[in-house]
Amino acid sequence: MLRLGLPVAWGEQDQFGHVNNVVYFRYFEKVWMHYLARIGVLSSHRESGTGDQYLSGSSIKDTRLSFAR
């Protein structure tokens, strides 16, 4: 399990203090990039000059988000 503390920025919440649904997917993207950096993928591809090619083919294929009521 990977944990990454992400602050909730002003503007990511509605008037009731709830985080906007689309923001969760931005969080997923930040964690994904943090994970790639942590395992050394970003630095190894940056050094070899293949970083852009790798990242353009590396993506999260499917995401689903369900909220508990």
C-alpha atoms as a PDB file:
ATOM      1  CA  MET A   1       0.000   0.000   0.000  1.00  0.00           C
ATOM      2  CA  LEU A   2       1.233   3.457  -0.874  1.00  0.00           C
ATOM      3  CA  ARG A   3       0.198   6.440   1.216  1.00  0.00           C
ATOM      4  CA  LEU A   4       0.671  10.003   0.152  1.00  0.00           C
ATOM      5  CA  GLY A   5      -0.650  12.990   2.056  1.00  0.00           C
ATOM      6  CA  LEU A   6      -2.270  15.483  -0.277  1.00  0.00           C
ATOM      7  CA  PRO A   7      -3.583  18.777   1.037  1.00  0.00           C
ATOM      8  CA  VAL A   8      -7.048  19.821  -0.042  1.00  0.00           C
ATOM      9  CA  ALA A   9      -6.641  23.138  -1.826  1.00  0.00           C
ATOM     10  CA  TRP A  10      -9.090  25.983  -1.687  1.00  0.00           C
ATOM     11  CA  GLY A  11     -11.437  25.660  -4.636  1.00  0.00           C
ATOM     12  CA  GLU A  12     -11.485  21.858  -4.530  1.00  0.00           C
ATOM     13  CA  GLN A  13     -14.438  21.943  -2.148  1.00  0.00           C
ATOM     14  CA  ASP A  14     -18.036  22.979  -2.509  1.00  0.00           C
ATOM     15  CA  GLN A  15     -19.867  25.329  -0.154  1.00  0.00           C
ATOM     16  CA  PHE A  16     -20.462  22.465   2.287  1.00  0.00           C
ATOM     17  CA  GLY A  17     -16.773  21.520   2.510  1.00  0.00           C
ATOM     18  CA  HIS A  18     -17.142  18.396   0.346  1.00  0.00           C
ATOM     19  CA  VAL A  19     -14.331  17.663  -2.088  1.00  0.00           C
ATOM     20  CA  ASN A  20     -15.472  17.903  -5.706  1.00  0.00           C
ATOM     21  CA  ASN A  21     -15.757  14.485  -7.369  1.00  0.00           C
ATOM     22  CA  VAL A  22     -13.305  15.253 -10.189  1.00  0.00           C
ATOM     23  CA  VAL A  23     -10.619  16.146  -7.639  1.00  0.00           C
ATOM     24  CA  TYR A  24     -10.350  12.500  -6.572  1.00  0.00           C
ATOM     25  CA  PHE A  25      -9.137  11.608 -10.059  1.00  0.00           C
ATOM     26  CA  ARG A  26      -6.527  14.361  -9.838  1.00  0.00           C
ATOM     27  CA  TYR A  27      -5.414  12.790  -6.574  1.00  0.00           C
ATOM     28  CA  PHE A  28      -5.124   9.403  -8.333  1.00  0.00           C
ATOM     29  CA  GLU A  29      -2.927  11.009 -10.970  1.00  0.00           C
ATOM     30  CA  LYS A  30      -0.662  12.605  -8.356  1.00  0.00           C
ATOM     31  CA  VAL A  31      -0.289   9.302  -6.515  1.00  0.00           C
ATOM     32  CA  TRP A  32       0.429   7.474  -9.793  1.00  0.00           C
ATOM     33  CA  MET A  33       3.245   9.903 -10.645  1.00  0.00           C
ATOM     34  CA  HIS A  34       4.585   9.689  -7.086  1.00  0.00           C
ATOM     35  CA  TYR A  35       4.598   5.888  -7.356  1.00  0.00           C
ATOM     36  CA  LEU A  36       6.479   5.946 -10.678  1.00  0.00           C
ATOM     37  CA  ALA A  37       9.038   8.331  -9.201  1.00  0.00           C
ATOM     38  CA  ARG A  38       9.376   6.218  -6.061  1.00  0.00           C
ATOM     39  CA  ILE A  39      10.147   3.016  -7.937  1.00  0.00           C
ATOM     40  CA  GLY A  40      12.665   4.853 -10.119  1.00  0.00           C
ATOM     41  CA  VAL A  41      10.811   4.675 -13.412  1.00  0.00           C
ATOM     42  CA  LEU A  42      10.801   8.423 -13.983  1.00  0.00           C
ATOM     43  CA  SER A  43      14.478   8.967 -13.213  1.00  0.00           C
ATOM     44  CA  SER A  44      15.702   5.941 -15.202  1.00  0.00           C
ATOM     45  CA  HIS A  45      13.709   6.954 -18.275  1.00  0.00           C
ATOM     46  CA  ARG A  46      14.690  10.600 -17.916  1.00  0.00           C
ATOM     47  CA  GLU A  47      18.363   9.596 -17.830  1.00  0.00           C
ATOM     48  CA  SER A  48      18.051   7.317 -20.848  1.00  0.00           C
ATOM     49  CA  GLY A  49      16.064   9.893 -22.810  1.00  0.00           C
ATOM     50  CA  THR A  50      12.976   7.691 -23.124  1.00  0.00           C
ATOM     51  CA  GLY A  51      10.908   9.393 -20.453  1.00  0.00           C
ATOM     52  CA  ASP A  52       8.390  11.066 -22.720  1.00  0.00           C
ATOM     53  CA  GLN A  53       7.871   7.907 -24.767  1.00  0.00           C
ATOM     54  CA  TYR A  54       7.328   5.821 -21.647  1.00  0.00           C
ATOM     55  CA  LEU A  55       4.958   8.256 -20.001  1.00  0.00           C
ATOM     56  CA  SER A  56       2.866   8.693 -23.131  1.00  0.00           C
ATOM     57  CA  GLY A  57       2.245   4.923 -23.107  1.00  0.00           C
ATOM     58  CA  SER A  58       1.822   4.671 -19.360  1.00  0.00           C
ATOM     59  CA  SER A  59      -1.596   5.485 -18.062  1.00  0.00           C
ATOM     60  CA  ILE A  60      -4.291   4.276 -15.766  1.00  0.00           C
ATOM     61  CA  LYS A  61      -6.587   2.265 -17.994  1.00  0.00           C
ATOM     62  CA  ASP A  62      -9.712   2.302 -15.907  1.00  0.00           C
ATOM     63  CA  THR A  63     -10.833   4.050 -12.780  1.00  0.00           C
ATOM     64  CA  ARG A  64     -14.025   3.721 -10.850  1.00  0.00           C
ATOM     65  CA  LEU A  65     -15.082   5.646  -7.860  1.00  0.00           C
ATOM     66  CA  SER A  66     -17.931   4.667  -5.574  1.00  0.00           C
ATOM     67  CA  PHE A  67     -19.067   6.666  -2.602  1.00  0.00           C
ATOM     68  CA  ALA A  68     -20.486   5.067   0.514  1.00  0.00           C
ATOM     69  CA  ARG A  69     -23.789   6.475   1.612  1.00  0.00           C
END
